[in-house]
Amino acid sequence: PVDVIVAAAPDEGAINEKVAPTVKATVICE
C-alpha cells in the first residue's frame, strides 16, 4: 500500500497480467 512505485529492476516484463491487478500505487515510475 504505497503511493509511488519506482520500477528500477532490470527484469523485462516483470509487471505482467498477474502482478498488475495487485498494484495499489497511484504512480509507477519506470
mmCIF file of all heavy atoms, coordinates in Angstrom:
data_MODEL
# 
_entry.id   MODEL 
# 
loop_
_atom_site.group_PDB 
_atom_site.id 
_atom_site.type_symbol 
_atom_site.label_atom_id 
_atom_site.label_alt_id 
_atom_site.label_comp_id 
_atom_site.label_asym_id 
_atom_site.label_entity_id 
_atom_site.label_seq_id 
_atom_site.pdbx_PDB_ins_code 
_atom_site.Cartn_x 
_atom_site.Cartn_y 
_atom_site.Cartn_z 
_atom_site.occupancy 
_atom_site.B_iso_or_equiv 
_atom_site.pdbx_formal_charge 
_atom_site.auth_seq_id 
_atom_site.auth_comp_id 
_atom_site.auth_asym_id 
_atom_site.auth_atom_id 
_atom_site.pdbx_PDB_model_num 
ATOM 1   N N   . PRO A 1 1  ? 0.825  -1.212  0.000   1.00 0.00 ? 1  PRO A N   1 
ATOM 2   C CA  . PRO A 1 1  ? 0.000  0.000   0.000   1.00 0.00 ? 1  PRO A CA  1 
ATOM 3   C C   . PRO A 1 1  ? 0.862  1.267   0.000   1.00 0.00 ? 1  PRO A C   1 
ATOM 4   O O   . PRO A 1 1  ? 1.024  1.935   1.027   1.00 0.00 ? 1  PRO A O   1 
ATOM 5   C CB  . PRO A 1 1  ? -0.801 -0.133  1.294   1.00 0.00 ? 1  PRO A CB  1 
ATOM 6   C CG  . PRO A 1 1  ? 0.109  -0.908  2.203   1.00 0.00 ? 1  PRO A CG  1 
ATOM 7   C CD  . PRO A 1 1  ? 0.839  -1.873  1.324   1.00 0.00 ? 1  PRO A CD  1 
ATOM 8   N N   . VAL A 1 2  ? 1.437  1.592   -1.151  1.00 0.00 ? 2  VAL A N   1 
ATOM 9   C CA  . VAL A 1 2  ? 2.286  2.775   -1.287  1.00 0.00 ? 2  VAL A CA  1 
ATOM 10  C C   . VAL A 1 2  ? 1.682  3.715   -2.334  1.00 0.00 ? 2  VAL A C   1 
ATOM 11  O O   . VAL A 1 2  ? 0.833  3.324   -3.131  1.00 0.00 ? 2  VAL A O   1 
ATOM 12  C CB  . VAL A 1 2  ? 3.728  2.388   -1.692  1.00 0.00 ? 2  VAL A CB  1 
ATOM 13  C CG1 . VAL A 1 2  ? 4.392  1.558   -0.598  1.00 0.00 ? 2  VAL A CG1 1 
ATOM 14  C CG2 . VAL A 1 2  ? 3.746  1.626   -3.019  1.00 0.00 ? 2  VAL A CG2 1 
ATOM 15  N N   . ASP A 1 3  ? 2.165  4.955   -2.342  1.00 0.00 ? 3  ASP A N   1 
ATOM 16  C CA  . ASP A 1 3  ? 1.692  5.935   -3.317  1.00 0.00 ? 3  ASP A CA  1 
ATOM 17  C C   . ASP A 1 3  ? 2.449  5.843   -4.637  1.00 0.00 ? 3  ASP A C   1 
ATOM 18  O O   . ASP A 1 3  ? 1.868  6.053   -5.707  1.00 0.00 ? 3  ASP A O   1 
ATOM 19  C CB  . ASP A 1 3  ? 1.861  7.356   -2.750  1.00 0.00 ? 3  ASP A CB  1 
ATOM 20  C CG  . ASP A 1 3  ? 1.081  7.565   -1.464  1.00 0.00 ? 3  ASP A CG  1 
ATOM 21  O OD1 . ASP A 1 3  ? -0.151 7.375   -1.501  1.00 0.00 ? 3  ASP A OD1 1 
ATOM 22  O OD2 . ASP A 1 3  ? 1.689  7.906   -0.439  1.00 0.00 ? 3  ASP A OD2 1 
ATOM 23  N N   . VAL A 1 4  ? 3.736  5.551   -4.553  1.00 0.00 ? 4  VAL A N   1 
ATOM 24  C CA  . VAL A 1 4  ? 4.600  5.559   -5.744  1.00 0.00 ? 4  VAL A CA  1 
ATOM 25  C C   . VAL A 1 4  ? 5.456  4.295   -5.773  1.00 0.00 ? 4  VAL A C   1 
ATOM 26  O O   . VAL A 1 4  ? 6.004  3.882   -4.744  1.00 0.00 ? 4  VAL A O   1 
ATOM 27  C CB  . VAL A 1 4  ? 5.534  6.791   -5.737  1.00 0.00 ? 4  VAL A CB  1 
ATOM 28  C CG1 . VAL A 1 4  ? 6.491  6.756   -6.937  1.00 0.00 ? 4  VAL A CG1 1 
ATOM 29  C CG2 . VAL A 1 4  ? 4.726  8.087   -5.740  1.00 0.00 ? 4  VAL A CG2 1 
ATOM 30  N N   . ILE A 1 5  ? 5.549  3.690   -6.933  1.00 0.00 ? 5  ILE A N   1 
ATOM 31  C CA  . ILE A 1 5  ? 6.493  2.590   -7.160  1.00 0.00 ? 5  ILE A CA  1 
ATOM 32  C C   . ILE A 1 5  ? 7.524  3.060   -8.171  1.00 0.00 ? 5  ILE A C   1 
ATOM 33  O O   . ILE A 1 5  ? 7.176  3.549   -9.251  1.00 0.00 ? 5  ILE A O   1 
ATOM 34  C CB  . ILE A 1 5  ? 5.789  1.327   -7.690  1.00 0.00 ? 5  ILE A CB  1 
ATOM 35  C CG1 . ILE A 1 5  ? 4.887  0.720   -6.606  1.00 0.00 ? 5  ILE A CG1 1 
ATOM 36  C CG2 . ILE A 1 5  ? 6.806  0.295   -8.170  1.00 0.00 ? 5  ILE A CG2 1 
ATOM 37  C CD1 . ILE A 1 5  ? 4.034  -0.428  -7.098  1.00 0.00 ? 5  ILE A CD1 1 
ATOM 38  N N   . VAL A 1 6  ? 8.799  2.939   -7.815  1.00 0.00 ? 6  VAL A N   1 
ATOM 39  C CA  . VAL A 1 6  ? 9.888  3.204   -8.749  1.00 0.00 ? 6  VAL A CA  1 
ATOM 40  C C   . VAL A 1 6  ? 10.389 1.848   -9.234  1.00 0.00 ? 6  VAL A C   1 
ATOM 41  O O   . VAL A 1 6  ? 10.994 1.094   -8.467  1.00 0.00 ? 6  VAL A O   1 
ATOM 42  C CB  . VAL A 1 6  ? 11.038 3.996   -8.078  1.00 0.00 ? 6  VAL A CB  1 
ATOM 43  C CG1 . VAL A 1 6  ? 12.191 4.180   -9.060  1.00 0.00 ? 6  VAL A CG1 1 
ATOM 44  C CG2 . VAL A 1 6  ? 10.531 5.349   -7.593  1.00 0.00 ? 6  VAL A CG2 1 
ATOM 45  N N   . ALA A 1 7  ? 10.085 1.514   -10.484 1.00 0.00 ? 7  ALA A N   1 
ATOM 46  C CA  . ALA A 1 7  ? 10.474 0.217   -11.053 1.00 0.00 ? 7  ALA A CA  1 
ATOM 47  C C   . ALA A 1 7  ? 11.846 0.365   -11.705 1.00 0.00 ? 7  ALA A C   1 
ATOM 48  O O   . ALA A 1 7  ? 11.964 0.835   -12.837 1.00 0.00 ? 7  ALA A O   1 
ATOM 49  C CB  . ALA A 1 7  ? 9.442  -0.251  -12.067 1.00 0.00 ? 7  ALA A CB  1 
ATOM 50  N N   . ALA A 1 8  ? 12.889 -0.023  -10.966 1.00 0.00 ? 8  ALA A N   1 
ATOM 51  C CA  . ALA A 1 8  ? 14.266 0.147   -11.445 1.00 0.00 ? 8  ALA A CA  1 
ATOM 52  C C   . ALA A 1 8  ? 15.002 -1.180  -11.583 1.00 0.00 ? 8  ALA A C   1 
ATOM 53  O O   . ALA A 1 8  ? 16.209 -1.191  -11.818 1.00 0.00 ? 8  ALA A O   1 
ATOM 54  C CB  . ALA A 1 8  ? 15.037 1.069   -10.492 1.00 0.00 ? 8  ALA A CB  1 
ATOM 55  N N   . ALA A 1 9  ? 14.295 -2.306  -11.431 1.00 0.00 ? 9  ALA A N   1 
ATOM 56  C CA  . ALA A 1 9  ? 14.937 -3.618  -11.529 1.00 0.00 ? 9  ALA A CA  1 
ATOM 57  C C   . ALA A 1 9  ? 15.073 -4.035  -12.984 1.00 0.00 ? 9  ALA A C   1 
ATOM 58  O O   . ALA A 1 9  ? 14.110 -3.925  -13.753 1.00 0.00 ? 9  ALA A O   1 
ATOM 59  C CB  . ALA A 1 9  ? 14.118 -4.657  -10.763 1.00 0.00 ? 9  ALA A CB  1 
ATOM 60  N N   . PRO A 1 10 ? 16.254 -4.544  -13.393 1.00 0.00 ? 10 PRO A N   1 
ATOM 61  C CA  . PRO A 1 10 ? 16.472 -4.938  -14.795 1.00 0.00 ? 10 PRO A CA  1 
ATOM 62  C C   . PRO A 1 10 ? 15.824 -6.274  -15.112 1.00 0.00 ? 10 PRO A C   1 
ATOM 63  O O   . PRO A 1 10 ? 16.492 -7.278  -15.377 1.00 0.00 ? 10 PRO A O   1 
ATOM 64  C CB  . PRO A 1 10 ? 17.998 -5.014  -14.892 1.00 0.00 ? 10 PRO A CB  1 
ATOM 65  C CG  . PRO A 1 10 ? 18.430 -5.393  -13.522 1.00 0.00 ? 10 PRO A CG  1 
ATOM 66  C CD  . PRO A 1 10 ? 17.463 -4.722  -12.576 1.00 0.00 ? 10 PRO A CD  1 
ATOM 67  N N   . ASP A 1 11 ? 14.512 -6.311  -15.081 1.00 0.00 ? 11 ASP A N   1 
ATOM 68  C CA  . ASP A 1 11 ? 13.769 -7.551  -15.315 1.00 0.00 ? 11 ASP A CA  1 
ATOM 69  C C   . ASP A 1 11 ? 12.615 -7.250  -16.257 1.00 0.00 ? 11 ASP A C   1 
ATOM 70  O O   . ASP A 1 11 ? 11.515 -6.896  -15.833 1.00 0.00 ? 11 ASP A O   1 
ATOM 71  C CB  . ASP A 1 11 ? 13.256 -8.110  -13.981 1.00 0.00 ? 11 ASP A CB  1 
ATOM 72  C CG  . ASP A 1 11 ? 12.614 -9.488  -14.132 1.00 0.00 ? 11 ASP A CG  1 
ATOM 73  O OD1 . ASP A 1 11 ? 12.722 -10.068 -15.227 1.00 0.00 ? 11 ASP A OD1 1 
ATOM 74  O OD2 . ASP A 1 11 ? 12.002 -9.971  -13.161 1.00 0.00 ? 11 ASP A OD2 1 
ATOM 75  N N   . GLU A 1 12 ? 12.888 -7.402  -17.578 1.00 0.00 ? 12 GLU A N   1 
ATOM 76  C CA  . GLU A 1 12 ? 11.871 -7.059  -18.573 1.00 0.00 ? 12 GLU A CA  1 
ATOM 77  C C   . GLU A 1 12 ? 10.609 -7.901  -18.384 1.00 0.00 ? 12 GLU A C   1 
ATOM 78  O O   . GLU A 1 12 ? 10.684 -9.118  -18.216 1.00 0.00 ? 12 GLU A O   1 
ATOM 79  C CB  . GLU A 1 12 ? 12.421 -7.261  -19.998 1.00 0.00 ? 12 GLU A CB  1 
ATOM 80  C CG  . GLU A 1 12 ? 13.493 -6.278  -20.410 1.00 0.00 ? 12 GLU A CG  1 
ATOM 81  C CD  . GLU A 1 12 ? 14.900 -6.748  -20.073 1.00 0.00 ? 12 GLU A CD  1 
ATOM 82  O OE1 . GLU A 1 12 ? 15.015 -7.816  -19.427 1.00 0.00 ? 12 GLU A OE1 1 
ATOM 83  O OE2 . GLU A 1 12 ? 15.863 -6.053  -20.435 1.00 0.00 ? 12 GLU A OE2 1 
ATOM 84  N N   . GLY A 1 13 ? 9.455  -7.245  -18.409 1.00 0.00 ? 13 GLY A N   1 
ATOM 85  C CA  . GLY A 1 13 ? 8.186  -7.944  -18.337 1.00 0.00 ? 13 GLY A CA  1 
ATOM 86  C C   . GLY A 1 13 ? 7.768  -8.395  -16.953 1.00 0.00 ? 13 GLY A C   1 
ATOM 87  O O   . GLY A 1 13 ? 6.855  -9.210  -16.809 1.00 0.00 ? 13 GLY A O   1 
ATOM 88  N N   . ALA A 1 14 ? 8.394  -7.848  -15.905 1.00 0.00 ? 14 ALA A N   1 
ATOM 89  C CA  . ALA A 1 14 ? 8.077  -8.290  -14.538 1.00 0.00 ? 14 ALA A CA  1 
ATOM 90  C C   . ALA A 1 14 ? 6.683  -7.876  -14.101 1.00 0.00 ? 14 ALA A C   1 
ATOM 91  O O   . ALA A 1 14 ? 6.032  -8.570  -13.316 1.00 0.00 ? 14 ALA A O   1 
ATOM 92  C CB  . ALA A 1 14 ? 9.112  -7.741  -13.562 1.00 0.00 ? 14 ALA A CB  1 
ATOM 93  N N   . ILE A 1 15 ? 6.200  -6.728  -14.587 1.00 0.00 ? 15 ILE A N   1 
ATOM 94  C CA  . ILE A 1 15 ? 4.852  -6.269  -14.229 1.00 0.00 ? 15 ILE A CA  1 
ATOM 95  C C   . ILE A 1 15 ? 3.901  -6.787  -15.309 1.00 0.00 ? 15 ILE A C   1 
ATOM 96  O O   . ILE A 1 15 ? 3.647  -6.131  -16.323 1.00 0.00 ? 15 ILE A O   1 
ATOM 97  C CB  . ILE A 1 15 ? 4.796  -4.733  -14.113 1.00 0.00 ? 15 ILE A CB  1 
ATOM 98  C CG1 . ILE A 1 15 ? 5.884  -4.218  -13.171 1.00 0.00 ? 15 ILE A CG1 1 
ATOM 99  C CG2 . ILE A 1 15 ? 3.424  -4.290  -13.608 1.00 0.00 ? 15 ILE A CG2 1 
ATOM 100 C CD1 . ILE A 1 15 ? 5.982  -2.707  -13.095 1.00 0.00 ? 15 ILE A CD1 1 
ATOM 101 N N   . ASN A 1 16 ? 3.411  -7.996  -15.089 1.00 0.00 ? 16 ASN A N   1 
ATOM 102 C CA  . ASN A 1 16 ? 2.591  -8.670  -16.090 1.00 0.00 ? 16 ASN A CA  1 
ATOM 103 C C   . ASN A 1 16 ? 1.131  -8.732  -15.668 1.00 0.00 ? 16 ASN A C   1 
ATOM 104 O O   . ASN A 1 16 ? 0.714  -8.067  -14.719 1.00 0.00 ? 16 ASN A O   1 
ATOM 105 C CB  . ASN A 1 16 ? 3.152  -10.078 -16.347 1.00 0.00 ? 16 ASN A CB  1 
ATOM 106 C CG  . ASN A 1 16 ? 3.297  -10.880 -15.051 1.00 0.00 ? 16 ASN A CG  1 
ATOM 107 O OD1 . ASN A 1 16 ? 2.496  -10.738 -14.124 1.00 0.00 ? 16 ASN A OD1 1 
ATOM 108 N ND2 . ASN A 1 16 ? 4.331  -11.701 -14.972 1.00 0.00 ? 16 ASN A ND2 1 
ATOM 109 N N   . GLU A 1 17 ? 0.352  -9.560  -16.368 1.00 0.00 ? 17 GLU A N   1 
ATOM 110 C CA  . GLU A 1 17 ? -1.087 -9.620  -16.097 1.00 0.00 ? 17 GLU A CA  1 
ATOM 111 C C   . GLU A 1 17 ? -1.394 -10.219 -14.728 1.00 0.00 ? 17 GLU A C   1 
ATOM 112 O O   . GLU A 1 17 ? -2.503 -10.033 -14.206 1.00 0.00 ? 17 GLU A O   1 
ATOM 113 C CB  . GLU A 1 17 ? -1.806 -10.422 -17.192 1.00 0.00 ? 17 GLU A CB  1 
ATOM 114 C CG  . GLU A 1 17 ? -1.501 -11.915 -17.232 1.00 0.00 ? 17 GLU A CG  1 
ATOM 115 C CD  . GLU A 1 17 ? -0.254 -12.235 -18.046 1.00 0.00 ? 17 GLU A CD  1 
ATOM 116 O OE1 . GLU A 1 17 ? 0.524  -11.308 -18.348 1.00 0.00 ? 17 GLU A OE1 1 
ATOM 117 O OE2 . GLU A 1 17 ? -0.054 -13.421 -18.372 1.00 0.00 ? 17 GLU A OE2 1 
ATOM 118 N N   . LYS A 1 18 ? -0.439 -10.927 -14.132 1.00 0.00 ? 18 LYS A N   1 
ATOM 119 C CA  . LYS A 1 18 ? -0.651 -11.485 -12.798 1.00 0.00 ? 18 LYS A CA  1 
ATOM 120 C C   . LYS A 1 18 ? -0.320 -10.470 -11.703 1.00 0.00 ? 18 LYS A C   1 
ATOM 121 O O   . LYS A 1 18 ? -0.977 -10.432 -10.668 1.00 0.00 ? 18 LYS A O   1 
ATOM 122 C CB  . LYS A 1 18 ? 0.201  -12.746 -12.621 1.00 0.00 ? 18 LYS A CB  1 
ATOM 123 C CG  . LYS A 1 18 ? -0.196 -13.898 -13.527 1.00 0.00 ? 18 LYS A CG  1 
ATOM 124 C CD  . LYS A 1 18 ? 0.680  -15.110 -13.289 1.00 0.00 ? 18 LYS A CD  1 
ATOM 125 C CE  . LYS A 1 18 ? 0.285  -16.268 -14.206 1.00 0.00 ? 18 LYS A CE  1 
ATOM 126 N NZ  . LYS A 1 18 ? 1.168  -17.459 -13.998 1.00 0.00 ? 18 LYS A NZ  1 
ATOM 127 N N   . VAL A 1 19 ? 0.707  -9.660  -11.943 1.00 0.00 ? 19 VAL A N   1 
ATOM 128 C CA  . VAL A 1 19 ? 1.160  -8.704  -10.938 1.00 0.00 ? 19 VAL A CA  1 
ATOM 129 C C   . VAL A 1 19 ? 0.348  -7.412  -10.984 1.00 0.00 ? 19 VAL A C   1 
ATOM 130 O O   . VAL A 1 19 ? 0.011  -6.837  -9.945  1.00 0.00 ? 19 VAL A O   1 
ATOM 131 C CB  . VAL A 1 19 ? 2.660  -8.393  -11.132 1.00 0.00 ? 19 VAL A CB  1 
ATOM 132 C CG1 . VAL A 1 19 ? 3.122  -7.310  -10.168 1.00 0.00 ? 19 VAL A CG1 1 
ATOM 133 C CG2 . VAL A 1 19 ? 3.488  -9.660  -10.949 1.00 0.00 ? 19 VAL A CG2 1 
ATOM 134 N N   . ALA A 1 20 ? 0.025  -6.939  -12.183 1.00 0.00 ? 20 ALA A N   1 
ATOM 135 C CA  . ALA A 1 20 ? -0.631 -5.638  -12.345 1.00 0.00 ? 20 ALA A CA  1 
ATOM 136 C C   . ALA A 1 20 ? -1.893 -5.465  -11.501 1.00 0.00 ? 20 ALA A C   1 
ATOM 137 O O   . ALA A 1 20 ? -2.107 -4.388  -10.923 1.00 0.00 ? 20 ALA A O   1 
ATOM 138 C CB  . ALA A 1 20 ? -0.931 -5.386  -13.817 1.00 0.00 ? 20 ALA A CB  1 
ATOM 139 N N   . PRO A 1 21 ? -2.777 -6.484  -11.389 1.00 0.00 ? 21 PRO A N   1 
ATOM 140 C CA  . PRO A 1 21 ? -4.004 -6.284  -10.600 1.00 0.00 ? 21 PRO A CA  1 
ATOM 141 C C   . PRO A 1 21 ? -3.744 -6.038  -9.119  1.00 0.00 ? 21 PRO A C   1 
ATOM 142 O O   . PRO A 1 21 ? -4.618 -5.530  -8.415  1.00 0.00 ? 21 PRO A O   1 
ATOM 143 C CB  . PRO A 1 21 ? -4.762 -7.607  -10.800 1.00 0.00 ? 21 PRO A CB  1 
ATOM 144 C CG  . PRO A 1 21 ? -4.227 -8.186  -12.060 1.00 0.00 ? 21 PRO A CG  1 
ATOM 145 C CD  . PRO A 1 21 ? -2.784 -7.795  -12.081 1.00 0.00 ? 21 PRO A CD  1 
ATOM 146 N N   . THR A 1 22 ? -2.553 -6.383  -8.622  1.00 0.00 ? 22 THR A N   1 
ATOM 147 C CA  . THR A 1 22 ? -2.261 -6.227  -7.193  1.00 0.00 ? 22 THR A CA  1 
ATOM 148 C C   . THR A 1 22 ? -1.729 -4.838  -6.852  1.00 0.00 ? 22 THR A C   1 
ATOM 149 O O   . THR A 1 22 ? -1.617 -4.496  -5.666  1.00 0.00 ? 22 THR A O   1 
ATOM 150 C CB  . THR A 1 22 ? -1.220 -7.263  -6.733  1.00 0.00 ? 22 THR A CB  1 
ATOM 151 O OG1 . THR A 1 22 ? 0.067  -6.954  -7.292  1.00 0.00 ? 22 THR A OG1 1 
ATOM 152 C CG2 . THR A 1 22 ? -1.613 -8.674  -7.158  1.00 0.00 ? 22 THR A CG2 1 
ATOM 153 N N   . VAL A 1 23 ? -1.412 -4.040  -7.861  1.00 0.00 ? 23 VAL A N   1 
ATOM 154 C CA  . VAL A 1 23 ? -0.781 -2.739  -7.622  1.00 0.00 ? 23 VAL A CA  1 
ATOM 155 C C   . VAL A 1 23 ? -1.768 -1.770  -6.973  1.00 0.00 ? 23 VAL A C   1 
ATOM 156 O O   . VAL A 1 23 ? -2.879 -1.563  -7.473  1.00 0.00 ? 23 VAL A O   1 
ATOM 157 C CB  . VAL A 1 23 ? -0.241 -2.139  -8.940  1.00 0.00 ? 23 VAL A CB  1 
ATOM 158 C CG1 . VAL A 1 23 ? 0.258  -0.705  -8.721  1.00 0.00 ? 23 VAL A CG1 1 
ATOM 159 C CG2 . VAL A 1 23 ? 0.884  -3.013  -9.489  1.00 0.00 ? 23 VAL A CG2 1 
ATOM 160 N N   . LYS A 1 24 ? -1.343 -1.171  -5.875  1.00 0.00 ? 24 LYS A N   1 
ATOM 161 C CA  . LYS A 1 24 ? -2.181 -0.197  -5.165  1.00 0.00 ? 24 LYS A CA  1 
ATOM 162 C C   . LYS A 1 24 ? -1.654 1.235   -5.314  1.00 0.00 ? 24 LYS A C   1 
ATOM 163 O O   . LYS A 1 24 ? -2.317 2.197   -4.910  1.00 0.00 ? 24 LYS A O   1 
ATOM 164 C CB  . LYS A 1 24 ? -2.261 -0.557  -3.683  1.00 0.00 ? 24 LYS A CB  1 
ATOM 165 C CG  . LYS A 1 24 ? -2.869 -1.927  -3.413  1.00 0.00 ? 24 LYS A CG  1 
ATOM 166 C CD  . LYS A 1 24 ? -2.850 -2.263  -1.937  1.00 0.00 ? 24 LYS A CD  1 
ATOM 167 C CE  . LYS A 1 24 ? -3.494 -3.616  -1.665  1.00 0.00 ? 24 LYS A CE  1 
ATOM 168 N NZ  . LYS A 1 24 ? -2.725 -4.742  -2.280  1.00 0.00 ? 24 LYS A NZ  1 
ATOM 169 N N   . ALA A 1 25 ? -0.470 1.380   -5.897  1.00 0.00 ? 25 ALA A N   1 
ATOM 170 C CA  . ALA A 1 25 ? 0.147  2.695   -6.061  1.00 0.00 ? 25 ALA A CA  1 
ATOM 171 C C   . ALA A 1 25 ? -0.636 3.550   -7.056  1.00 0.00 ? 25 ALA A C   1 
ATOM 172 O O   . ALA A 1 25 ? -1.334 3.027   -7.932  1.00 0.00 ? 25 ALA A O   1 
ATOM 173 C CB  . ALA A 1 25 ? 1.587  2.549   -6.525  1.00 0.00 ? 25 ALA A CB  1 
ATOM 174 N N   . THR A 1 26 ? -0.502 4.847   -6.925  1.00 0.00 ? 26 THR A N   1 
ATOM 175 C CA  . THR A 1 26 ? -1.118 5.783   -7.876  1.00 0.00 ? 26 THR A CA  1 
ATOM 176 C C   . THR A 1 26 ? -0.233 5.997   -9.092  1.00 0.00 ? 26 THR A C   1 
ATOM 177 O O   . THR A 1 26 ? -0.726 6.146   -10.211 1.00 0.00 ? 26 THR A O   1 
ATOM 178 C CB  . THR A 1 26 ? -1.380 7.145   -7.196  1.00 0.00 ? 26 THR A CB  1 
ATOM 179 O OG1 . THR A 1 26 ? -2.207 6.936   -6.052  1.00 0.00 ? 26 THR A OG1 1 
ATOM 180 C CG2 . THR A 1 26 ? -2.061 8.115   -8.149  1.00 0.00 ? 26 THR A CG2 1 
ATOM 181 N N   . VAL A 1 27 ? 1.092  5.999   -8.862  1.00 0.00 ? 27 VAL A N   1 
ATOM 182 C CA  . VAL A 1 27 ? 2.048  6.272   -9.947  1.00 0.00 ? 27 VAL A CA  1 
ATOM 183 C C   . VAL A 1 27 ? 3.148  5.214   -9.949  1.00 0.00 ? 27 VAL A C   1 
ATOM 184 O O   . VAL A 1 27 ? 3.659  4.822   -8.891  1.00 0.00 ? 27 VAL A O   1 
ATOM 185 C CB  . VAL A 1 27 ? 2.696  7.669   -9.795  1.00 0.00 ? 27 VAL A CB  1 
ATOM 186 C CG1 . VAL A 1 27 ? 3.739  7.905   -10.887 1.00 0.00 ? 27 VAL A CG1 1 
ATOM 187 C CG2 . VAL A 1 27 ? 1.635  8.759   -9.829  1.00 0.00 ? 27 VAL A CG2 1 
ATOM 188 N N   . ILE A 1 28 ? 3.498  4.742   -11.138 1.00 0.00 ? 28 ILE A N   1 
ATOM 189 C CA  . ILE A 1 28 ? 4.667  3.880   -11.329 1.00 0.00 ? 28 ILE A CA  1 
ATOM 190 C C   . ILE A 1 28 ? 5.662  4.619   -12.209 1.00 0.00 ? 28 ILE A C   1 
ATOM 191 O O   . ILE A 1 28 ? 5.327  5.035   -13.319 1.00 0.00 ? 28 ILE A O   1 
ATOM 192 C CB  . ILE A 1 28 ? 4.302  2.536   -11.985 1.00 0.00 ? 28 ILE A CB  1 
ATOM 193 C CG1 . ILE A 1 28 ? 3.375  1.718   -11.087 1.00 0.00 ? 28 ILE A CG1 1 
ATOM 194 C CG2 . ILE A 1 28 ? 5.568  1.741   -12.305 1.00 0.00 ? 28 ILE A CG2 1 
ATOM 195 C CD1 . ILE A 1 28 ? 2.941  0.395   -11.696 1.00 0.00 ? 28 ILE A CD1 1 
ATOM 196 N N   . CYS A 1 29 ? 6.879  4.792   -11.696 1.00 0.00 ? 29 CYS A N   1 
ATOM 197 C CA  . CYS A 1 29 ? 7.964  5.396   -12.474 1.00 0.00 ? 29 CYS A CA  1 
ATOM 198 C C   . CYS A 1 29 ? 8.851  4.282   -12.990 1.00 0.00 ? 29 CYS A C   1 
ATOM 199 O O   . CYS A 1 29 ? 9.515  3.600   -12.202 1.00 0.00 ? 29 CYS A O   1 
ATOM 200 C CB  . CYS A 1 29 ? 8.807  6.335   -11.602 1.00 0.00 ? 29 CYS A CB  1 
ATOM 201 S SG  . CYS A 1 29 ? 7.927  7.734   -10.957 1.00 0.00 ? 29 CYS A SG  1 
ATOM 202 N N   . GLU A 1 30 ? 8.913  4.117   -14.300 1.00 0.00 ? 30 GLU A N   1 
ATOM 203 C CA  . GLU A 1 30 ? 9.694  3.034   -14.880 1.00 0.00 ? 30 GLU A CA  1 
ATOM 204 C C   . GLU A 1 30 ? 11.128 3.505   -15.176 1.00 0.00 ? 30 GLU A C   1 
ATOM 205 O O   . GLU A 1 30 ? 11.422 3.925   -16.294 1.00 0.00 ? 30 GLU A O   1 
ATOM 206 C CB  . GLU A 1 30 ? 9.034  2.524   -16.162 1.00 0.00 ? 30 GLU A CB  1 
ATOM 207 C CG  . GLU A 1 30 ? 7.708  1.835   -15.936 1.00 0.00 ? 30 GLU A CG  1 
ATOM 208 C CD  . GLU A 1 30 ? 7.151  1.208   -17.194 1.00 0.00 ? 30 GLU A CD  1 
ATOM 209 O OE1 . GLU A 1 30 ? 7.556  1.619   -18.325 1.00 0.00 ? 30 GLU A OE1 1 
ATOM 210 O OE2 . GLU A 1 30 ? 6.302  0.311   -17.091 1.00 0.00 ? 30 GLU A OE2 1 
# 
